[in-house]
Amino acid sequence: QVDLVESGGGLVQAGGSLRLSCAASGNIVSIAIMSWYRQTPGKQRELVAEINRRNRTDYGDFVKGRFAISRDNDKNTVYLQMDLLQPADSGVYYCKAVRVAPSAGVSDYWGQGIQVNVSP
């Protein structure tokens, strides 16, 4: 079992910044990928950014260089630095962990989500 706790959301004006954090606990040894997803009004949940064990990163097309994902292995925490936020970025942001274990296969774990609101 992997538990994920997000923090850092809130309200910001357009053009501002937020940094989201996702702290992982539990059976984290076999976590292969950590990701941030979001669900904005009227849209399906979409990938924002992901980072693997080798610190390879990938981003959704809409990020366009505005966001950066990073990880602190000592703190078992993944961060999402979001700059130049726009109202269209408002929504619920979710942390996800993909655990790969020989005995258990591939398992997905999700955080509870955190609200991000960007005002015009």
PDB file of N, CA and C in Angstrom:
ATOM      1  N   GLN A   1       0.840  -1.188   0.000  1.00  0.00           N
ATOM      2  CA  GLN A   1       0.000   0.000   0.000  1.00  0.00           C
ATOM      3  C   GLN A   1       0.887   1.255   0.000  1.00  0.00           C
ATOM      4  N   VAL A   2       0.489   2.224  -0.780  1.00  0.00           N
ATOM      5  CA  VAL A   2       1.191   3.509  -0.841  1.00  0.00           C
ATOM      6  C   VAL A   2       0.179   4.597  -0.529  1.00  0.00           C
ATOM      7  N   ASP A   3       0.509   5.469   0.380  1.00  0.00           N
ATOM      8  CA  ASP A   3      -0.342   6.614   0.716  1.00  0.00           C
ATOM      9  C   ASP A   3       0.281   7.882   0.173  1.00  0.00           C
ATOM     10  N   LEU A   4      -0.545   8.712  -0.424  1.00  0.00           N
ATOM     11  CA  LEU A   4      -0.083   9.954  -1.032  1.00  0.00           C
ATOM     12  C   LEU A   4      -0.871  11.115  -0.439  1.00  0.00           C
ATOM     13  N   VAL A   5      -0.165  12.125  -0.016  1.00  0.00           N
ATOM     14  CA  VAL A   5      -0.818  13.300   0.564  1.00  0.00           C
ATOM     15  C   VAL A   5      -0.342  14.538  -0.166  1.00  0.00           C
ATOM     16  N   GLU A   6      -1.275  15.222  -0.800  1.00  0.00           N
ATOM     17  CA  GLU A   6      -0.951  16.439  -1.541  1.00  0.00           C
ATOM     18  C   GLU A   6      -1.106  17.667  -0.654  1.00  0.00           C
ATOM     19  N   SER A   7      -0.336  18.681  -0.959  1.00  0.00           N
ATOM     20  CA  SER A   7      -0.456  19.959  -0.271  1.00  0.00           C
ATOM     21  C   SER A   7       0.020  21.066  -1.196  1.00  0.00           C
ATOM     22  N   GLY A   8      -0.294  22.301  -0.827  1.00  0.00           N
ATOM     23  CA  GLY A   8       0.209  23.439  -1.572  1.00  0.00           C
ATOM     24  C   GLY A   8      -0.783  24.106  -2.505  1.00  0.00           C
ATOM     25  N   GLY A   9      -1.981  23.579  -2.591  1.00  0.00           N
ATOM     26  CA  GLY A   9      -2.971  24.196  -3.467  1.00  0.00           C
ATOM     27  C   GLY A   9      -3.509  25.486  -2.877  1.00  0.00           C
ATOM     28  N   GLY A  10      -4.452  26.092  -3.579  1.00  0.00           N
ATOM     29  CA  GLY A  10      -5.062  27.309  -3.079  1.00  0.00           C
ATOM     30  C   GLY A  10      -5.465  28.231  -4.194  1.00  0.00           C
ATOM     31  N   LEU A  11      -5.606  29.486  -3.846  1.00  0.00           N
ATOM     32  CA  LEU A  11      -6.053  30.516  -4.781  1.00  0.00           C
ATOM     33  C   LEU A  11      -4.893  31.430  -5.140  1.00  0.00           C
ATOM     34  N   VAL A  12      -4.756  31.689  -6.424  1.00  0.00           N
ATOM     35  CA  VAL A  12      -3.700  32.577  -6.897  1.00  0.00           C
ATOM     36  C   VAL A  12      -4.250  33.387  -8.055  1.00  0.00           C
ATOM     37  N   GLN A  13      -3.700  34.558  -8.278  1.00  0.00           N
ATOM     38  CA  GLN A  13      -4.109  35.375  -9.420  1.00  0.00           C
ATOM     39  C   GLN A  13      -3.422  34.903 -10.691  1.00  0.00           C
ATOM     40  N   ALA A  14      -4.033  35.181 -11.804  1.00  0.00           N
ATOM     41  CA  ALA A  14      -3.436  34.828 -13.095  1.00  0.00           C
ATOM     42  C   ALA A  14      -2.031  35.406 -13.196  1.00  0.00           C
ATOM     43  N   GLY A  15      -1.126  34.584 -13.704  1.00  0.00           N
ATOM     44  CA  GLY A  15       0.270  34.971 -13.791  1.00  0.00           C
ATOM     45  C   GLY A  15       1.092  34.588 -12.574  1.00  0.00           C
ATOM     46  N   GLY A  16       0.416  34.140 -11.530  1.00  0.00           N
ATOM     47  CA  GLY A  16       1.096  33.770 -10.298  1.00  0.00           C
ATOM     48  C   GLY A  16       1.617  32.351 -10.311  1.00  0.00           C
ATOM     49  N   SER A  17       2.118  31.939  -9.164  1.00  0.00           N
ATOM     50  CA  SER A  17       2.758  30.624  -9.040  1.00  0.00           C
ATOM     51  C   SER A  17       2.241  29.873  -7.814  1.00  0.00           C
ATOM     52  N   LEU A  18       2.289  28.571  -7.917  1.00  0.00           N
ATOM     53  CA  LEU A  18       2.027  27.687  -6.790  1.00  0.00           C
ATOM     54  C   LEU A  18       2.990  26.516  -6.875  1.00  0.00           C
ATOM     55  N   ARG A  19       3.312  25.945  -5.729  1.00  0.00           N
ATOM     56  CA  ARG A  19       4.085  24.712  -5.721  1.00  0.00           C
ATOM     57  C   ARG A  19       3.303  23.653  -4.961  1.00  0.00           C
ATOM     58  N   LEU A  20       2.982  22.601  -5.668  1.00  0.00           N
ATOM     59  CA  LEU A  20       2.292  21.474  -5.058  1.00  0.00           C
ATOM     60  C   LEU A  20       3.312  20.451  -4.577  1.00  0.00           C
ATOM     61  N   SER A  21       2.983  19.817  -3.472  1.00  0.00           N
ATOM     62  CA  SER A  21       3.825  18.757  -2.934  1.00  0.00           C
ATOM     63  C   SER A  21       3.005  17.485  -2.789  1.00  0.00           C
ATOM     64  N   CYS A  22       3.659  16.363  -2.963  1.00  0.00           N
ATOM     65  CA  CYS A  22       3.015  15.064  -2.778  1.00  0.00           C
ATOM     66  C   CYS A  22       3.965  14.200  -1.972  1.00  0.00           C
ATOM     67  N   ALA A  23       3.588  13.923  -0.749  1.00  0.00           N
ATOM     68  CA  ALA A  23       4.408  13.102   0.131  1.00  0.00           C
ATOM     69  C   ALA A  23       3.924  11.660   0.085  1.00  0.00           C
ATOM     70  N   ALA A  24       4.837  10.761  -0.198  1.00  0.00           N
ATOM     71  CA  ALA A  24       4.498   9.344  -0.290  1.00  0.00           C
ATOM     72  C   ALA A  24       4.965   8.603   0.950  1.00  0.00           C
ATOM     73  N   SER A  25       4.160   7.665   1.388  1.00  0.00           N
ATOM     74  CA  SER A  25       4.534   6.828   2.525  1.00  0.00           C
ATOM     75  C   SER A  25       3.996   5.419   2.297  1.00  0.00           C
ATOM     76  N   GLY A  26       4.488   4.499   3.109  1.00  0.00           N
ATOM     77  CA  GLY A  26       4.072   3.111   2.957  1.00  0.00           C
ATOM     78  C   GLY A  26       5.108   2.343   2.172  1.00  0.00           C
ATOM     79  N   ASN A  27       4.648   1.488   1.281  1.00  0.00           N
ATOM     80  CA  ASN A  27       5.540   0.616   0.523  1.00  0.00           C
ATOM     81  C   ASN A  27       6.027   1.364  -0.726  1.00  0.00           C
ATOM     82  N   ILE A  28       6.980   2.246  -0.525  1.00  0.00           N
ATOM     83  CA  ILE A  28       7.403   3.139  -1.606  1.00  0.00           C
ATOM     84  C   ILE A  28       8.624   2.657  -2.350  1.00  0.00           C
ATOM     85  N   VAL A  29       9.195   1.575  -1.930  1.00  0.00           N
ATOM     86  CA  VAL A  29      10.469   1.134  -2.509  1.00  0.00           C
ATOM     87  C   VAL A  29      10.344   0.877  -4.004  1.00  0.00           C
ATOM     88  N   SER A  30       9.222   0.327  -4.415  1.00  0.00           N
ATOM     89  CA  SER A  30       9.082  -0.082  -5.815  1.00  0.00           C
ATOM     90  C   SER A  30       8.314   0.925  -6.662  1.00  0.00           C
ATOM     91  N   ILE A  31       8.208   2.151  -6.204  1.00  0.00           N
ATOM     92  CA  ILE A  31       7.518   3.155  -7.014  1.00  0.00           C
ATOM     93  C   ILE A  31       8.365   3.485  -8.232  1.00  0.00           C
ATOM     94  N   ALA A  32       7.788   3.322  -9.403  1.00  0.00           N
ATOM     95  CA  ALA A  32       8.525   3.551 -10.639  1.00  0.00           C
ATOM     96  C   ALA A  32       8.296   4.951 -11.194  1.00  0.00           C
ATOM     97  N   ILE A  33       7.085   5.422 -11.096  1.00  0.00           N
ATOM     98  CA  ILE A  33       6.725   6.708 -11.689  1.00  0.00           C
ATOM     99  C   ILE A  33       5.842   7.476 -10.701  1.00  0.00           C
ATOM    100  N   MET A  34       6.117   8.759 -10.596  1.00  0.00           N
ATOM    101  CA  MET A  34       5.249   9.663  -9.844  1.00  0.00           C
ATOM    102  C   MET A  34       4.712  10.687 -10.829  1.00  0.00           C
ATOM    103  N   SER A  35       3.436  10.980 -10.697  1.00  0.00           N
ATOM    104  CA  SER A  35       2.800  11.861 -11.674  1.00  0.00           C
ATOM    105  C   SER A  35       1.860  12.842 -10.990  1.00  0.00           C
ATOM    106  N   TRP A  36       1.577  13.897 -11.708  1.00  0.00           N
ATOM    107  CA  TRP A  36       0.497  14.816 -11.358  1.00  0.00           C
ATOM    108  C   TRP A  36      -0.520  14.799 -12.490  1.00  0.00           C
ATOM    109  N   TYR A  37      -1.757  14.649 -12.109  1.00  0.00           N
ATOM    110  CA  TYR A  37      -2.874  14.750 -13.034  1.00  0.00           C
ATOM    111  C   TYR A  37      -3.771  15.888 -12.555  1.00  0.00           C
ATOM    112  N   ARG A  38      -4.654  16.309 -13.442  1.00  0.00           N
ATOM    113  CA  ARG A  38      -5.618  17.305 -13.016  1.00  0.00           C
ATOM    114  C   ARG A  38      -6.960  17.044 -13.696  1.00  0.00           C
ATOM    115  N   GLN A  39      -7.977  17.504 -13.024  1.00  0.00           N
ATOM    116  CA  GLN A  39      -9.320  17.470 -13.600  1.00  0.00           C
ATOM    117  C   GLN A  39      -9.879  18.875 -13.543  1.00  0.00           C
ATOM    118  N   THR A  40     -10.056  19.451 -14.697  1.00  0.00           N
ATOM    119  CA  THR A  40     -10.606  20.795 -14.798  1.00  0.00           C
ATOM    120  C   THR A  40     -12.067  20.689 -15.217  1.00  0.00           C
ATOM    121  N   PRO A  41     -12.854  21.715 -14.927  1.00  0.00           N
ATOM    122  CA  PRO A  41     -14.301  21.657 -15.209  1.00  0.00           C
ATOM    123  C   PRO A  41     -14.606  21.297 -16.649  1.00  0.00           C
ATOM    124  N   GLY A  42     -15.442  20.292 -16.830  1.00  0.00           N
ATOM    125  CA  GLY A  42     -15.871  19.903 -18.156  1.00  0.00           C
ATOM    126  C   GLY A  42     -14.898  19.031 -18.918  1.00  0.00           C
ATOM    127  N   LYS A  43     -13.793  18.665 -18.307  1.00  0.00           N
ATOM    128  CA  LYS A  43     -12.792  17.858 -18.996  1.00  0.00           C
ATOM    129  C   LYS A  43     -12.488  16.587 -18.219  1.00  0.00           C
ATOM    130  N   GLN A  44     -11.958  15.615 -18.934  1.00  0.00           N
ATOM    131  CA  GLN A  44     -11.511  14.396 -18.271  1.00  0.00           C
ATOM    132  C   GLN A  44     -10.181  14.643 -17.570  1.00  0.00           C
ATOM    133  N   ARG A  45      -9.892  13.767 -16.638  1.00  0.00           N
ATOM    134  CA  ARG A  45      -8.611  13.867 -15.940  1.00  0.00           C
ATOM    135  C   ARG A  45      -7.476  13.729 -16.953  1.00  0.00           C
ATOM    136  N   GLU A  46      -6.477  14.595 -16.835  1.00  0.00           N
ATOM    137  CA  GLU A  46      -5.385  14.590 -17.800  1.00  0.00           C
ATOM    138  C   GLU A  46      -4.034  14.659 -17.100  1.00  0.00           C
ATOM    139  N   LEU A  47      -3.037  14.142 -17.779  1.00  0.00           N
ATOM    140  CA  LEU A  47      -1.686  14.153 -17.246  1.00  0.00           C
ATOM    141  C   LEU A  47      -1.127  15.568 -17.287  1.00  0.00           C
ATOM    142  N   VAL A  48      -0.572  15.993 -16.162  1.00  0.00           N
ATOM    143  CA  VAL A  48       0.121  17.277 -16.102  1.00  0.00           C
ATOM    144  C   VAL A  48       1.624  17.055 -16.274  1.00  0.00           C
ATOM    145  N   ALA A  49       2.175  16.154 -15.458  1.00  0.00           N
ATOM    146  CA  ALA A  49       3.613  15.898 -15.502  1.00  0.00           C
ATOM    147  C   ALA A  49       3.908  14.574 -14.814  1.00  0.00           C
ATOM    148  N   GLU A  50       4.978  13.953 -15.206  1.00  0.00           N
ATOM    149  CA  GLU A  50       5.416  12.721 -14.548  1.00  0.00           C
ATOM    150  C   GLU A  50       6.929  12.667 -14.510  1.00  0.00           C
ATOM    151  N   ILE A  51       7.433  11.900 -13.542  1.00  0.00           N
ATOM    152  CA  ILE A  51       8.874  11.739 -13.375  1.00  0.00           C
ATOM    153  C   ILE A  51       9.140  10.300 -12.966  1.00  0.00           C
ATOM    154  N   ASN A  52      10.155   9.691 -13.574  1.00  0.00           N
ATOM    155  CA  ASN A  52      10.453   8.306 -13.230  1.00  0.00           C
ATOM    156  C   ASN A  52      11.681   8.236 -12.332  1.00  0.00           C
ATOM    157  N   ARG A  53      12.092   7.013 -12.054  1.00  0.00           N
ATOM    158  CA  ARG A  53      13.196   6.803 -11.114  1.00  0.00           C
ATOM    159  C   ARG A  53      14.484   7.449 -11.587  1.00  0.00           C
ATOM    160  N   ARG A  54      14.624   7.559 -12.881  1.00  0.00           N
ATOM    161  CA  ARG A  54      15.845   8.145 -13.428  1.00  0.00           C
ATOM    162  C   ARG A  54      15.701   9.639 -13.672  1.00  0.00           C
ATOM    163  N   ASN A  55      14.635  10.205 -13.093  1.00  0.00           N
ATOM    164  CA  ASN A  55      14.369  11.636 -13.225  1.00  0.00           C
ATOM    165  C   ASN A  55      14.058  12.065 -14.649  1.00  0.00           C
ATOM    166  N   ARG A  56      13.616  11.125 -15.446  1.00  0.00           N
ATOM    167  CA  ARG A  56      13.120  11.493 -16.769  1.00  0.00           C
ATOM    168  C   ARG A  56      11.725  12.070 -16.591  1.00  0.00           C
ATOM    169  N   THR A  57      11.469  13.176 -17.234  1.00  0.00           N
ATOM    170  CA  THR A  57      10.193  13.855 -17.054  1.00  0.00           C
ATOM    171  C   THR A  57       9.404  13.946 -18.356  1.00  0.00           C
ATOM    172  N   ASP A  58       8.119  14.103 -18.199  1.00  0.00           N
ATOM    173  CA  ASP A  58       7.237  14.280 -19.343  1.00  0.00           C
ATOM    174  C   ASP A  58       6.103  15.192 -18.901  1.00  0.00           C
ATOM    175  N   TYR A  59       5.577  15.965 -19.851  1.00  0.00           N
ATOM    176  CA  TYR A  59       4.562  16.952 -19.519  1.00  0.00           C
ATOM    177  C   TYR A  59       3.414  16.920 -20.514  1.00  0.00           C
ATOM    178  N   GLY A  60       2.243  17.334 -20.029  1.00  0.00           N
ATOM    179  CA  GLY A  60       1.137  17.512 -20.948  1.00  0.00           C
ATOM    180  C   GLY A  60       1.422  18.670 -21.891  1.00  0.00           C
ATOM    181  N   ASP A  61       0.846  18.600 -23.074  1.00  0.00           N
ATOM    182  CA  ASP A  61       1.114  19.625 -24.085  1.00  0.00           C
ATOM    183  C   ASP A  61       0.741  21.028 -23.605  1.00  0.00           C
ATOM    184  N   PHE A  62      -0.255  21.120 -22.775  1.00  0.00           N
ATOM    185  CA  PHE A  62      -0.752  22.429 -22.358  1.00  0.00           C
ATOM    186  C   PHE A  62       0.206  23.120 -21.384  1.00  0.00           C
ATOM    187  N   VAL A  63       1.170  22.366 -20.841  1.00  0.00           N
ATOM    188  CA  VAL A  63       2.088  22.953 -19.863  1.00  0.00           C
ATOM    189  C   VAL A  63       2.952  24.024 -20.515  1.00  0.00           C
ATOM    190  N   LYS A  64       3.472  23.731 -21.698  1.00  0.00           N
ATOM    191  CA  LYS A  64       4.220  24.706 -22.498  1.00  0.00           C
ATOM    192  C   LYS A  64       5.319  25.398 -21.712  1.00  0.00           C
ATOM    193  N   GLY A  65       6.080  24.633 -20.934  1.00  0.00           N
ATOM    194  CA  GLY A  65       7.223  25.181 -20.226  1.00  0.00           C
ATOM    195  C   GLY A  65       6.898  25.935 -18.946  1.00  0.00           C
ATOM    196  N   ARG A  66       5.641  25.952 -18.549  1.00  0.00           N
ATOM    197  CA  ARG A  66       5.259  26.728 -17.373  1.00  0.00           C
ATOM    198  C   ARG A  66       5.441  25.958 -16.064  1.00  0.00           C
ATOM    199  N   PHE A  67       5.392  24.645 -16.122  1.00  0.00           N
ATOM    200  CA  PHE A  67       5.436  23.815 -14.919  1.00  0.00           C
ATOM    201  C   PHE A  67       6.724  22.991 -14.894  1.00  0.00           C
ATOM    202  N   ALA A  68       7.138  22.595 -13.694  1.00  0.00           N
ATOM    203  CA  ALA A  68       8.300  21.730 -13.556  1.00  0.00           C
ATOM    204  C   ALA A  68       8.054  20.718 -12.444  1.00  0.00           C
ATOM    205  N   ILE A  69       8.263  19.460 -12.753  1.00  0.00           N
ATOM    206  CA  ILE A  69       8.129  18.406 -11.755  1.00  0.00           C
ATOM    207  C   ILE A  69       9.514  18.008 -11.265  1.00  0.00           C
ATOM    208  N   SER A  70       9.606  17.729  -9.987  1.00  0.00           N
ATOM    209  CA  SER A  70      10.877  17.303  -9.405  1.00  0.00           C
ATOM    210  C   SER A  70      10.584  16.379  -8.228  1.00  0.00           C
ATOM    211  N   ARG A  71      11.623  15.712  -7.773  1.00  0.00           N
ATOM    212  CA  ARG A  71      11.433  14.790  -6.653  1.00  0.00           C
ATOM    213  C   ARG A  71      12.584  14.903  -5.675  1.00  0.00           C
ATOM    214  N   ASP A  72      12.271  14.699  -4.407  1.00  0.00           N
ATOM    215  CA  ASP A  72      13.273  14.649  -3.355  1.00  0.00           C
ATOM    216  C   ASP A  72      13.176  13.255  -2.760  1.00  0.00           C
ATOM    217  N   ASN A  73      14.098  12.387  -3.124  1.00  0.00           N
ATOM    218  CA  ASN A  73      14.020  10.999  -2.688  1.00  0.00           C
ATOM    219  C   ASN A  73      14.212  10.857  -1.179  1.00  0.00           C
ATOM    220  N   ASP A  74      14.984  11.758  -0.594  1.00  0.00           N
ATOM    221  CA  ASP A  74      15.206  11.684   0.863  1.00  0.00           C
ATOM    222  C   ASP A  74      13.907  11.956   1.613  1.00  0.00           C
ATOM    223  N   LYS A  75      13.059  12.803   1.048  1.00  0.00           N
ATOM    224  CA  LYS A  75      11.801  13.157   1.697  1.00  0.00           C
ATOM    225  C   LYS A  75      10.621  12.383   1.113  1.00  0.00           C
ATOM    226  N   ASN A  76      10.898  11.540   0.125  1.00  0.00           N
ATOM    227  CA  ASN A  76       9.819  10.775  -0.527  1.00  0.00           C
ATOM    228  C   ASN A  76       8.709  11.706  -1.000  1.00  0.00           C
ATOM    229  N   THR A  77       9.115  12.784  -1.589  1.00  0.00           N
ATOM    230  CA  THR A  77       8.167  13.829  -1.986  1.00  0.00           C
ATOM    231  C   THR A  77       8.417  14.242  -3.435  1.00  0.00           C
ATOM    232  N   VAL A  78       7.323  14.459  -4.134  1.00  0.00           N
ATOM    233  CA  VAL A  78       7.366  14.979  -5.491  1.00  0.00           C
ATOM    234  C   VAL A  78       6.736  16.360  -5.495  1.00  0.00           C
ATOM    235  N   TYR A  79       7.315  17.259  -6.264  1.00  0.00           N
ATOM    236  CA  TYR A  79       6.837  18.627  -6.320  1.00  0.00           C
ATOM    237  C   TYR A  79       6.375  18.965  -7.735  1.00  0.00           C
ATOM    238  N   LEU A  80       5.460  19.899  -7.791  1.00  0.00           N
ATOM    239  CA  LEU A  80       5.051  20.463  -9.072  1.00  0.00           C
ATOM    240  C   LEU A  80       5.077  21.976  -8.927  1.00  0.00           C
ATOM    241  N   GLN A  81       6.085  22.573  -9.521  1.00  0.00           N
ATOM    242  CA  GLN A  81       6.181  24.035  -9.532  1.00  0.00           C
ATOM    243  C   GLN A  81       5.385  24.546 -10.715  1.00  0.00           C
ATOM    244  N   MET A  82       4.409  25.372 -10.446  1.00  0.00           N
ATOM    245  CA  MET A  82       3.540  25.888 -11.498  1.00  0.00           C
ATOM    246  C   MET A  82       3.684  27.405 -11.564  1.00  0.00           C
ATOM    247  N   ASP A  83       4.142  27.878 -12.694  1.00  0.00           N
ATOM    248  CA  ASP A  83       4.318  29.308 -12.913  1.00  0.00           C
ATOM    249  C   ASP A  83       3.394  29.769 -14.041  1.00  0.00           C
ATOM    250  N   LEU A  84       3.207  31.073 -14.120  1.00  0.00           N
ATOM    251  CA  LEU A  84       2.368  31.659 -15.174  1.00  0.00           C
ATOM    252  C   LEU A  84       0.996  30.988 -15.213  1.00  0.00           C
ATOM    253  N   LEU A  85       0.426  30.801 -14.068  1.00  0.00           N
ATOM    254  CA  LEU A  85      -0.871  30.133 -13.996  1.00  0.00           C
ATOM    255  C   LEU A  85      -1.955  30.975 -14.649  1.00  0.00           C
ATOM    256  N   GLN A  86      -2.896  30.274 -15.259  1.00  0.00           N
ATOM    257  CA  GLN A  86      -4.009  30.919 -15.931  1.00  0.00           C
ATOM    258  C   GLN A  86      -5.321  30.360 -15.378  1.00  0.00           C
ATOM    259  N   PRO A  87      -6.417  31.073 -15.525  1.00  0.00           N
ATOM    260  CA  PRO A  87      -7.696  30.546 -15.032  1.00  0.00           C
ATOM    261  C   PRO A  87      -8.018  29.155 -15.567  1.00  0.00           C
ATOM    262  N   ALA A  88      -7.575  28.848 -16.775  1.00  0.00           N
ATOM    263  CA  ALA A  88      -7.833  27.517 -17.337  1.00  0.00           C
ATOM    264  C   ALA A  88      -7.111  26.413 -16.578  1.00  0.00           C
ATOM    265  N   ASP A  89      -6.160  26.776 -15.735  1.00  0.00           N
ATOM    266  CA  ASP A  89      -5.446  25.779 -14.932  1.00  0.00           C
ATOM    267  C   ASP A  89      -6.207  25.414 -13.657  1.00  0.00           C
ATOM    268  N   SER A  90      -7.299  26.095 -13.397  1.00  0.00           N
ATOM    269  CA  SER A  90      -8.084  25.818 -12.191  1.00  0.00           C
ATOM    270  C   SER A  90      -8.672  24.413 -12.252  1.00  0.00           C
ATOM    271  N   GLY A  91      -8.616  23.741 -11.126  1.00  0.00           N
ATOM    272  CA  GLY A  91      -9.173  22.397 -11.064  1.00  0.00           C
ATOM    273  C   GLY A  91      -8.625  21.651  -9.865  1.00  0.00           C
ATOM    274  N   VAL A  92      -8.882  20.358  -9.852  1.00  0.00           N
ATOM    275  CA  VAL A  92      -8.364  19.501  -8.788  1.00  0.00           C
ATOM    276  C   VAL A  92      -7.140  18.767  -9.317  1.00  0.00           C
ATOM    277  N   TYR A  93      -6.064  18.853  -8.590  1.00  0.00           N
ATOM    278  CA  TYR A  93      -4.801  18.232  -8.978  1.00  0.00           C
ATOM    279  C   TYR A  93      -4.565  16.996  -8.114  1.00  0.00           C
ATOM    280  N   TYR A  94      -4.226  15.905  -8.781  1.00  0.00           N
ATOM    281  CA  TYR A  94      -4.044  14.627  -8.113  1.00  0.00           C
ATOM    282  C   TYR A  94      -2.620  14.118  -8.286  1.00  0.00           C
ATOM    283  N   CYS A  95      -2.099  13.567  -7.240  1.00  0.00           N
ATOM    284  CA  CYS A  95      -0.808  12.891  -7.292  1.00  0.00           C
ATOM    285  C   CYS A  95      -1.058  11.398  -7.528  1.00  0.00           C
ATOM    286  N   LYS A  96      -0.221  10.813  -8.334  1.00  0.00           N
ATOM    287  CA  LYS A  96      -0.359   9.390  -8.636  1.00  0.00           C
ATOM    288  C   LYS A  96       0.997   8.710  -8.544  1.00  0.00           C
ATOM    289  N   ALA A  97       0.992   7.511  -7.999  1.00  0.00           N
ATOM    290  CA  ALA A  97       2.212   6.698  -7.947  1.00  0.00           C
ATOM    291  C   ALA A  97       1.944   5.376  -8.651  1.00  0.00           C
ATOM    292  N   VAL A  98       2.892   4.973  -9.452  1.00  0.00           N
ATOM    293  CA  VAL A  98       2.825   3.667 -10.104  1.00  0.00           C
ATOM    294  C   VAL A  98       3.895   2.794  -9.486  1.00  0.00           C
ATOM    295  N   ARG A  99       3.448   1.738  -8.876  1.00  0.00           N
ATOM    296  CA  ARG A  99       4.378   0.822  -8.201  1.00  0.00           C
ATOM    297  C   ARG A  99       4.489  -0.440  -9.028  1.00  0.00           C
ATOM    298  N   VAL A 100       5.718  -0.857  -9.249  1.00  0.00           N
ATOM    299  CA  VAL A 100       5.977  -2.074 -10.011  1.00  0.00           C
ATOM    300  C   VAL A 100       6.753  -3.039  -9.139  1.00  0.00           C
ATOM    301  N   ALA A 101       6.140  -4.154  -8.829  1.00  0.00           N
ATOM    302  CA  ALA A 101       6.785  -5.153  -7.979  1.00  0.00           C
ATOM    303  C   ALA A 101       6.650  -6.525  -8.629  1.00  0.00           C
ATOM    304  N   PRO A 102       7.728  -7.304  -8.647  1.00  0.00           N
ATOM    305  CA  PRO A 102       7.671  -8.624  -9.297  1.00  0.00           C
ATOM    306  C   PRO A 102       6.541  -9.494  -8.774  1.00  0.00           C
ATOM    307  N   SER A 103       6.287  -9.405  -7.493  1.00  0.00           N
ATOM    308  CA  SER A 103       5.264 -10.273  -6.905  1.00  0.00           C
ATOM    309  C   SER A 103       3.855  -9.740  -7.073  1.00  0.00           C
ATOM    310  N   ALA A 104       3.736  -8.429  -7.211  1.00  0.00           N
ATOM    311  CA  ALA A 104       2.395  -7.822  -7.219  1.00  0.00           C
ATOM    312  C   ALA A 104       2.028  -7.196  -8.556  1.00  0.00           C
ATOM    313  N   GLY A 105       2.970  -7.148  -9.479  1.00  0.00           N
ATOM    314  CA  GLY A 105       2.655  -6.529 -10.756  1.00  0.00           C
ATOM    315  C   GLY A 105       2.638  -5.012 -10.649  1.00  0.00           C
ATOM    316  N   VAL A 106       1.804  -4.382 -11.463  1.00  0.00           N
ATOM    317  CA  VAL A 106       1.715  -2.919 -11.519  1.00  0.00           C
ATOM    318  C   VAL A 106       0.495  -2.456 -10.734  1.00  0.00           C
ATOM    319  N   SER A 107       0.711  -1.488  -9.857  1.00  0.00           N
ATOM    320  CA  SER A 107      -0.392  -0.953  -9.049  1.00  0.00           C
ATOM    321  C   SER A 107      -0.372   0.568  -9.108  1.00  0.00           C
ATOM    322  N   ASP A 108      -1.534   1.151  -9.214  1.00  0.00           N
ATOM    323  CA  ASP A 108      -1.677   2.607  -9.219  1.00  0.00           C
ATOM    324  C   ASP A 108      -2.235   3.073  -7.886  1.00  0.00           C
ATOM    325  N   TYR A 109      -1.691   4.169  -7.395  1.00  0.00           N
ATOM    326  CA  TYR A 109      -2.188   4.775  -6.158  1.00  0.00           C
ATOM    327  C   TYR A 109      -2.431   6.255  -6.416  1.00  0.00           C
ATOM    328  N   TRP A 110      -3.508   6.767  -5.845  1.00  0.00           N
ATOM    329  CA  TRP A 110      -3.892   8.161  -6.047  1.00  0.00           C
ATOM    330  C   TRP A 110      -4.015   8.887  -4.715  1.00  0.00           C
ATOM    331  N   GLY A 111      -3.639  10.153  -4.742  1.00  0.00           N
ATOM    332  CA  GLY A 111      -3.912  11.006  -3.603  1.00  0.00           C
ATOM    333  C   GLY A 111      -5.362  11.458  -3.624  1.00  0.00           C
ATOM    334  N   GLN A 112      -5.744  12.209  -2.613  1.00  0.00           N
ATOM    335  CA  GLN A 112      -7.132  12.626  -2.482  1.00  0.00           C
ATOM    336  C   GLN A 112      -7.465  13.819  -3.363  1.00  0.00           C
ATOM    337  N   GLY A 113      -6.448  14.452  -3.894  1.00  0.00           N
ATOM    338  CA  GLY A 113      -6.657  15.620  -4.743  1.00  0.00           C
ATOM    339  C   GLY A 113      -6.580  16.912  -3.961  1.00  0.00           C
ATOM    340  N   ILE A 114      -6.165  17.951  -4.654  1.00  0.00           N
ATOM    341  CA  ILE A 114      -6.054  19.254  -4.023  1.00  0.00           C
ATOM    342  C   ILE A 114      -6.527  20.322  -5.008  1.00  0.00           C
ATOM    343  N   GLN A 115      -7.250  21.295  -4.486  1.00  0.00           N
ATOM    344  CA  GLN A 115      -7.868  22.303  -5.338  1.00  0.00           C
ATOM    345  C   GLN A 115      -6.894  23.423  -5.658  1.00  0.00           C
ATOM    346  N   VAL A 116      -6.882  23.794  -6.932  1.00  0.00           N
ATOM    347  CA  VAL A 116      -6.130  24.951  -7.407  1.00  0.00           C
ATOM    348  C   VAL A 116      -7.115  25.887  -8.099  1.00  0.00           C
ATOM    349  N   ASN A 117      -7.139  27.110  -7.660  1.00  0.00           N
ATOM    350  CA  ASN A 117      -8.025  28.110  -8.264  1.00  0.00           C
ATOM    351  C   ASN A 117      -7.194  29.297  -8.718  1.00  0.00           C
ATOM    352  N   VAL A 118      -7.354  29.668  -9.971  1.00  0.00           N
ATOM    353  CA  VAL A 118      -6.630  30.801 -10.531  1.00  0.00           C
ATOM    354  C   VAL A 118      -7.657  31.851 -10.939  1.00  0.00           C
ATOM    355  N   SER A 119      -7.562  33.003 -10.335  1.00  0.00           N
ATOM    356  CA  SER A 119      -8.505  34.070 -10.643  1.00  0.00           C
ATOM    357  C   SER A 119      -7.978  34.946 -11.776  1.00  0.00           C
ATOM    358  N   PRO A 120      -8.881  35.527 -12.563  1.00  0.00           N
ATOM    359  CA  PRO A 120      -8.452  36.366 -13.705  1.00  0.00           C
ATOM    360  C   PRO A 120      -7.658  37.585 -13.253  1.00  0.00           C
TER     361      PRO A 120
END
